[in-house]
Amino acid sequence: MLYTPLDYSEIFPPSDEEFANRKYVNHEGKLFVIDKTEEGTYQLVQLISSNPHDYLNNDYLPGTTLT
């Protein structure tokens, strides 16, 4: 059993190609996990924050396309 805030796919990626498109970005004091899509845009995968209020912000929902 792993006790970690990381997702299962981050520890055991399904393929190297999927993991190569994943980046960790610090924005406004919050850590985001983003994936680069085939269209060249970035999609929010996960928010990593110690502030519970950050998770209630609709701008940080998983699947949000970042500009």
PDB file of N, CA and C in Angstrom:
ATOM      1  N   MET A   1       0.849  -1.159   0.000  1.00  0.00           N
ATOM      2  CA  MET A   1       0.000   0.000   0.000  1.00  0.00           C
ATOM      3  C   MET A   1       0.902   1.232   0.000  1.00  0.00           C
ATOM      4  N   LEU A   2       0.566   2.179  -0.849  1.00  0.00           N
ATOM      5  CA  LEU A   2       1.330   3.413  -0.945  1.00  0.00           C
ATOM      6  C   LEU A   2       0.541   4.551  -0.320  1.00  0.00           C
ATOM      7  N   TYR A   3       1.163   5.272   0.577  1.00  0.00           N
ATOM      8  CA  TYR A   3       0.549   6.446   1.193  1.00  0.00           C
ATOM      9  C   TYR A   3       1.171   7.674   0.557  1.00  0.00           C
ATOM     10  N   THR A   4       0.527   8.180  -0.470  1.00  0.00           N
ATOM     11  CA  THR A   4       1.074   9.291  -1.236  1.00  0.00           C
ATOM     12  C   THR A   4      -0.057  10.106  -1.844  1.00  0.00           C
ATOM     13  N   PRO A   5       0.154  11.412  -2.034  1.00  0.00           N
ATOM     14  CA  PRO A   5      -0.870  12.205  -2.709  1.00  0.00           C
ATOM     15  C   PRO A   5      -0.848  12.028  -4.229  1.00  0.00           C
ATOM     16  N   LEU A   6       0.120  11.287  -4.725  1.00  0.00           N
ATOM     17  CA  LEU A   6       0.236  11.073  -6.165  1.00  0.00           C
ATOM     18  C   LEU A   6      -0.800  10.066  -6.646  1.00  0.00           C
ATOM     19  N   ASP A   7      -1.222  10.262  -7.873  1.00  0.00           N
ATOM     20  CA  ASP A   7      -2.169   9.358  -8.504  1.00  0.00           C
ATOM     21  C   ASP A   7      -1.447   8.064  -8.902  1.00  0.00           C
ATOM     22  N   TYR A   8      -2.188   6.978  -8.982  1.00  0.00           N
ATOM     23  CA  TYR A   8      -1.622   5.681  -9.355  1.00  0.00           C
ATOM     24  C   TYR A   8      -0.883   5.761 -10.691  1.00  0.00           C
ATOM     25  N   SER A   9      -1.468   6.504 -11.646  1.00  0.00           N
ATOM     26  CA  SER A   9      -0.853   6.601 -12.971  1.00  0.00           C
ATOM     27  C   SER A   9       0.440   7.410 -12.955  1.00  0.00           C
ATOM     28  N   GLU A  10       0.655   8.235 -11.936  1.00  0.00           N
ATOM     29  CA  GLU A  10       1.911   8.975 -11.837  1.00  0.00           C
ATOM     30  C   GLU A  10       3.043   8.087 -11.319  1.00  0.00           C
ATOM     31  N   ILE A  11       2.706   7.146 -10.487  1.00  0.00           N
ATOM     32  CA  ILE A  11       3.714   6.225  -9.953  1.00  0.00           C
ATOM     33  C   ILE A  11       4.009   5.120 -10.958  1.00  0.00           C
ATOM     34  N   PHE A  12       2.957   4.612 -11.575  1.00  0.00           N
ATOM     35  CA  PHE A  12       3.079   3.550 -12.567  1.00  0.00           C
ATOM     36  C   PHE A  12       2.445   4.021 -13.868  1.00  0.00           C
ATOM     37  N   PRO A  13       3.153   4.847 -14.648  1.00  0.00           N
ATOM     38  CA  PRO A  13       2.548   5.383 -15.881  1.00  0.00           C
ATOM     39  C   PRO A  13       2.253   4.268 -16.880  1.00  0.00           C
ATOM     40  N   PRO A  14       1.114   4.382 -17.584  1.00  0.00           N
ATOM     41  CA  PRO A  14       0.758   3.349 -18.558  1.00  0.00           C
ATOM     42  C   PRO A  14       1.742   3.291 -19.722  1.00  0.00           C
ATOM     43  N   SER A  15       2.288   4.445 -20.111  1.00  0.00           N
ATOM     44  CA  SER A  15       3.303   4.450 -21.161  1.00  0.00           C
ATOM     45  C   SER A  15       4.187   5.678 -20.979  1.00  0.00           C
ATOM     46  N   ASP A  16       5.388   5.608 -21.513  1.00  0.00           N
ATOM     47  CA  ASP A  16       6.313   6.727 -21.401  1.00  0.00           C
ATOM     48  C   ASP A  16       5.826   7.947 -22.170  1.00  0.00           C
ATOM     49  N   GLU A  17       5.087   7.735 -23.261  1.00  0.00           N
ATOM     50  CA  GLU A  17       4.594   8.855 -24.066  1.00  0.00           C
ATOM     51  C   GLU A  17       3.593   9.705 -23.281  1.00  0.00           C
ATOM     52  N   GLU A  18       2.690   9.055 -22.551  1.00  0.00           N
ATOM     53  CA  GLU A  18       1.709   9.802 -21.769  1.00  0.00           C
ATOM     54  C   GLU A  18       2.389  10.594 -20.654  1.00  0.00           C
ATOM     55  N   PHE A  19       3.373   9.993 -20.027  1.00  0.00           N
ATOM     56  CA  PHE A  19       4.063  10.658 -18.929  1.00  0.00           C
ATOM     57  C   PHE A  19       4.957  11.787 -19.432  1.00  0.00           C
ATOM     58  N   ALA A  20       5.446  11.700 -20.662  1.00  0.00           N
ATOM     59  CA  ALA A  20       6.299  12.746 -21.223  1.00  0.00           C
ATOM     60  C   ALA A  20       5.516  14.037 -21.455  1.00  0.00           C
ATOM     61  N   ASN A  21       4.213  13.955 -21.663  1.00  0.00           N
ATOM     62  CA  ASN A  21       3.376  15.133 -21.884  1.00  0.00           C
ATOM     63  C   ASN A  21       2.896  15.772 -20.588  1.00  0.00           C
ATOM     64  N   ARG A  22       3.198  15.176 -19.460  1.00  0.00           N
ATOM     65  CA  ARG A  22       2.728  15.676 -18.156  1.00  0.00           C
ATOM     66  C   ARG A  22       3.767  16.606 -17.549  1.00  0.00           C
ATOM     67  N   LYS A  23       3.285  17.737 -17.036  1.00  0.00           N
ATOM     68  CA  LYS A  23       4.176  18.718 -16.410  1.00  0.00           C
ATOM     69  C   LYS A  23       3.586  19.181 -15.093  1.00  0.00           C
ATOM     70  N   TYR A  24       4.473  19.616 -14.197  1.00  0.00           N
ATOM     71  CA  TYR A  24       4.086  20.216 -12.935  1.00  0.00           C
ATOM     72  C   TYR A  24       4.367  21.706 -13.040  1.00  0.00           C
ATOM     73  N   VAL A  25       3.336  22.529 -12.785  1.00  0.00           N
ATOM     74  CA  VAL A  25       3.446  23.971 -12.960  1.00  0.00           C
ATOM     75  C   VAL A  25       3.000  24.660 -11.678  1.00  0.00           C
ATOM     76  N   ASN A  26       3.786  25.625 -11.233  1.00  0.00           N
ATOM     77  CA  ASN A  26       3.422  26.436 -10.080  1.00  0.00           C
ATOM     78  C   ASN A  26       2.819  27.736 -10.599  1.00  0.00           C
ATOM     79  N   HIS A  27       1.560  27.995 -10.229  1.00  0.00           N
ATOM     80  CA  HIS A  27       0.851  29.190 -10.687  1.00  0.00           C
ATOM     81  C   HIS A  27       0.046  29.761  -9.526  1.00  0.00           C
ATOM     82  N   GLU A  28       0.261  31.031  -9.222  1.00  0.00           N
ATOM     83  CA  GLU A  28      -0.431  31.716  -8.129  1.00  0.00           C
ATOM     84  C   GLU A  28      -0.253  30.985  -6.799  1.00  0.00           C
ATOM     85  N   GLY A  29       0.909  30.408  -6.579  1.00  0.00           N
ATOM     86  CA  GLY A  29       1.195  29.720  -5.324  1.00  0.00           C
ATOM     87  C   GLY A  29       0.578  28.345  -5.205  1.00  0.00           C
ATOM     88  N   LYS A  30       0.017  27.839  -6.292  1.00  0.00           N
ATOM     89  CA  LYS A  30      -0.598  26.512  -6.294  1.00  0.00           C
ATOM     90  C   LYS A  30       0.134  25.620  -7.289  1.00  0.00           C
ATOM     91  N   LEU A  31       0.230  24.357  -6.970  1.00  0.00           N
ATOM     92  CA  LEU A  31       0.898  23.406  -7.848  1.00  0.00           C
ATOM     93  C   LEU A  31      -0.151  22.680  -8.676  1.00  0.00           C
ATOM     94  N   PHE A  32       0.026  22.706  -9.993  1.00  0.00           N
ATOM     95  CA  PHE A  32      -0.894  22.057 -10.918  1.00  0.00           C
ATOM     96  C   PHE A  32      -0.169  20.968 -11.688  1.00  0.00           C
ATOM     97  N   VAL A  33      -0.886  19.895 -11.980  1.00  0.00           N
ATOM     98  CA  VAL A  33      -0.404  18.863 -12.888  1.00  0.00           C
ATOM     99  C   VAL A  33      -1.183  19.062 -14.175  1.00  0.00           C
ATOM    100  N   ILE A  34      -0.466  19.259 -15.284  1.00  0.00           N
ATOM    101  CA  ILE A  34      -1.123  19.509 -16.563  1.00  0.00           C
ATOM    102  C   ILE A  34      -0.598  18.546 -17.620  1.00  0.00           C
ATOM    103  N   ASP A  35      -1.431  18.273 -18.599  1.00  0.00           N
ATOM    104  CA  ASP A  35      -1.066  17.439 -19.743  1.00  0.00           C
ATOM    105  C   ASP A  35      -1.166  18.277 -21.007  1.00  0.00           C
ATOM    106  N   LYS A  36      -0.218  18.086 -21.909  1.00  0.00           N
ATOM    107  CA  LYS A  36      -0.287  18.736 -23.212  1.00  0.00           C
ATOM    108  C   LYS A  36      -1.120  17.853 -24.133  1.00  0.00           C
ATOM    109  N   THR A  37      -2.156  18.448 -24.748  1.00  0.00           N
ATOM    110  CA  THR A  37      -3.039  17.690 -25.627  1.00  0.00           C
ATOM    111  C   THR A  37      -2.477  17.656 -27.043  1.00  0.00           C
ATOM    112  N   GLU A  38      -3.103  16.865 -27.892  1.00  0.00           N
ATOM    113  CA  GLU A  38      -2.654  16.758 -29.285  1.00  0.00           C
ATOM    114  C   GLU A  38      -2.820  18.065 -30.046  1.00  0.00           C
ATOM    115  N   GLU A  39      -3.785  18.896 -29.600  1.00  0.00           N
ATOM    116  CA  GLU A  39      -4.013  20.188 -30.255  1.00  0.00           C
ATOM    117  C   GLU A  39      -2.992  21.245 -29.834  1.00  0.00           C
ATOM    118  N   GLY A  40      -2.162  20.925 -28.844  1.00  0.00           N
ATOM    119  CA  GLY A  40      -1.153  21.864 -28.377  1.00  0.00           C
ATOM    120  C   GLY A  40      -1.585  22.691 -27.181  1.00  0.00           C
ATOM    121  N   THR A  41      -2.808  22.470 -26.693  1.00  0.00           N
ATOM    122  CA  THR A  41      -3.267  23.169 -25.499  1.00  0.00           C
ATOM    123  C   THR A  41      -2.913  22.352 -24.267  1.00  0.00           C
ATOM    124  N   TYR A  42      -3.113  22.946 -23.111  1.00  0.00           N
ATOM    125  CA  TYR A  42      -2.834  22.251 -21.858  1.00  0.00           C
ATOM    126  C   TYR A  42      -4.117  22.023 -21.090  1.00  0.00           C
ATOM    127  N   GLN A  43      -4.235  20.845 -20.508  1.00  0.00           N
ATOM    128  CA  GLN A  43      -5.426  20.466 -19.768  1.00  0.00           C
ATOM    129  C   GLN A  43      -5.043  20.170 -18.325  1.00  0.00           C
ATOM    130  N   LEU A  44      -5.804  20.737 -17.393  1.00  0.00           N
ATOM    131  CA  LEU A  44      -5.546  20.542 -15.977  1.00  0.00           C
ATOM    132  C   LEU A  44      -5.907  19.111 -15.578  1.00  0.00           C
ATOM    133  N   VAL A  45      -4.964  18.432 -14.971  1.00  0.00           N
ATOM    134  CA  VAL A  45      -5.188  17.055 -14.523  1.00  0.00           C
ATOM    135  C   VAL A  45      -5.467  17.029 -13.025  1.00  0.00           C
ATOM    136  N   GLN A  46      -4.673  17.795 -12.261  1.00  0.00           N
ATOM    137  CA  GLN A  46      -4.778  17.726 -10.812  1.00  0.00           C
ATOM    138  C   GLN A  46      -4.274  19.016 -10.195  1.00  0.00           C
ATOM    139  N   LEU A  47      -4.897  19.411  -9.101  1.00  0.00           N
ATOM    140  CA  LEU A  47      -4.453  20.519  -8.279  1.00  0.00           C
ATOM    141  C   LEU A  47      -3.857  19.930  -7.015  1.00  0.00           C
ATOM    142  N   ILE A  48      -2.682  20.401  -6.628  1.00  0.00           N
ATOM    143  CA  ILE A  48      -2.054  19.957  -5.390  1.00  0.00           C
ATOM    144  C   ILE A  48      -1.906  21.186  -4.501  1.00  0.00           C
ATOM    145  N   SER A  49      -2.695  21.235  -3.434  1.00  0.00           N
ATOM    146  CA  SER A  49      -2.699  22.390  -2.550  1.00  0.00           C
ATOM    147  C   SER A  49      -3.043  21.950  -1.138  1.00  0.00           C
ATOM    148  N   SER A  50      -2.515  22.654  -0.161  1.00  0.00           N
ATOM    149  CA  SER A  50      -2.841  22.366   1.233  1.00  0.00           C
ATOM    150  C   SER A  50      -4.030  23.208   1.707  1.00  0.00           C
ATOM    151  N   ASN A  51      -4.520  24.100   0.858  1.00  0.00           N
ATOM    152  CA  ASN A  51      -5.646  24.961   1.199  1.00  0.00           C
ATOM    153  C   ASN A  51      -6.936  24.336   0.656  1.00  0.00           C
ATOM    154  N   PRO A  52      -7.843  23.904   1.514  1.00  0.00           N
ATOM    155  CA  PRO A  52      -9.085  23.284   1.040  1.00  0.00           C
ATOM    156  C   PRO A  52      -9.937  24.221   0.187  1.00  0.00           C
ATOM    157  N   HIS A  53      -9.825  25.507   0.411  1.00  0.00           N
ATOM    158  CA  HIS A  53     -10.608  26.473  -0.354  1.00  0.00           C
ATOM    159  C   HIS A  53     -10.234  26.458  -1.847  1.00  0.00           C
ATOM    160  N   ASP A  54      -8.990  26.117  -2.167  1.00  0.00           N
ATOM    161  CA  ASP A  54      -8.550  26.064  -3.564  1.00  0.00           C
ATOM    162  C   ASP A  54      -9.335  25.031  -4.366  1.00  0.00           C
ATOM    163  N   TYR A  55      -9.742  23.952  -3.727  1.00  0.00           N
ATOM    164  CA  TYR A  55     -10.460  22.887  -4.427  1.00  0.00           C
ATOM    165  C   TYR A  55     -11.898  23.271  -4.758  1.00  0.00           C
ATOM    166  N   LEU A  56     -12.408  24.338  -4.154  1.00  0.00           N
ATOM    167  CA  LEU A  56     -13.768  24.798  -4.423  1.00  0.00           C
ATOM    168  C   LEU A  56     -13.821  25.790  -5.579  1.00  0.00           C
ATOM    169  N   ASN A  57     -12.679  26.214  -6.072  1.00  0.00           N
ATOM    170  CA  ASN A  57     -12.615  27.171  -7.172  1.00  0.00           C
ATOM    171  C   ASN A  57     -12.872  26.445  -8.491  1.00  0.00           C
ATOM    172  N   ASN A  58     -13.906  26.865  -9.220  1.00  0.00           N
ATOM    173  CA  ASN A  58     -14.274  26.205 -10.480  1.00  0.00           C
ATOM    174  C   ASN A  58     -13.217  26.359 -11.566  1.00  0.00           C
ATOM    175  N   ASP A  59     -12.308  27.318 -11.416  1.00  0.00           N
ATOM    176  CA  ASP A  59     -11.247  27.497 -12.407  1.00  0.00           C
ATOM    177  C   ASP A  59     -10.208  26.374 -12.332  1.00  0.00           C
ATOM    178  N   TYR A  60     -10.194  25.623 -11.251  1.00  0.00           N
ATOM    179  CA  TYR A  60      -9.188  24.588 -11.059  1.00  0.00           C
ATOM    180  C   TYR A  60      -9.752  23.177 -11.148  1.00  0.00           C
ATOM    181  N   LEU A  61     -10.871  23.004 -11.815  1.00  0.00           N
ATOM    182  CA  LEU A  61     -11.466  21.677 -11.964  1.00  0.00           C
ATOM    183  C   LEU A  61     -10.645  20.831 -12.935  1.00  0.00           C
ATOM    184  N   PRO A  62     -10.461  19.539 -12.650  1.00  0.00           N
ATOM    185  CA  PRO A  62      -9.771  18.663 -13.587  1.00  0.00           C
ATOM    186  C   PRO A  62     -10.490  18.648 -14.929  1.00  0.00           C
ATOM    187  N   GLY A  63      -9.717  18.686 -16.001  1.00  0.00           N
ATOM    188  CA  GLY A  63     -10.274  18.698 -17.349  1.00  0.00           C
ATOM    189  C   GLY A  63     -10.387  20.085 -17.929  1.00  0.00           C
ATOM    190  N   THR A  64     -10.135  21.119 -17.114  1.00  0.00           N
ATOM    191  CA  THR A  64     -10.202  22.490 -17.597  1.00  0.00           C
ATOM    192  C   THR A  64      -9.063  22.746 -18.569  1.00  0.00           C
ATOM    193  N   THR A  65      -9.381  23.360 -19.698  1.00  0.00           N
ATOM    194  CA  THR A  65      -8.353  23.725 -20.679  1.00  0.00           C
ATOM    195  C   THR A  65      -7.746  25.055 -20.272  1.00  0.00           C
ATOM    196  N   LEU A  66      -6.420  25.081 -20.207  1.00  0.00           N
ATOM    197  CA  LEU A  66      -5.711  26.284 -19.802  1.00  0.00           C
ATOM    198  C   LEU A  66      -5.278  27.066 -21.028  1.00  0.00           C
ATOM    199  N   THR A  67      -5.339  28.375 -20.918  1.00  0.00           N
ATOM    200  CA  THR A  67      -4.927  29.226 -22.033  1.00  0.00           C
ATOM    201  C   THR A  67      -3.662  29.961 -21.706  1.00  0.00           C
TER     202      THR A  67
END
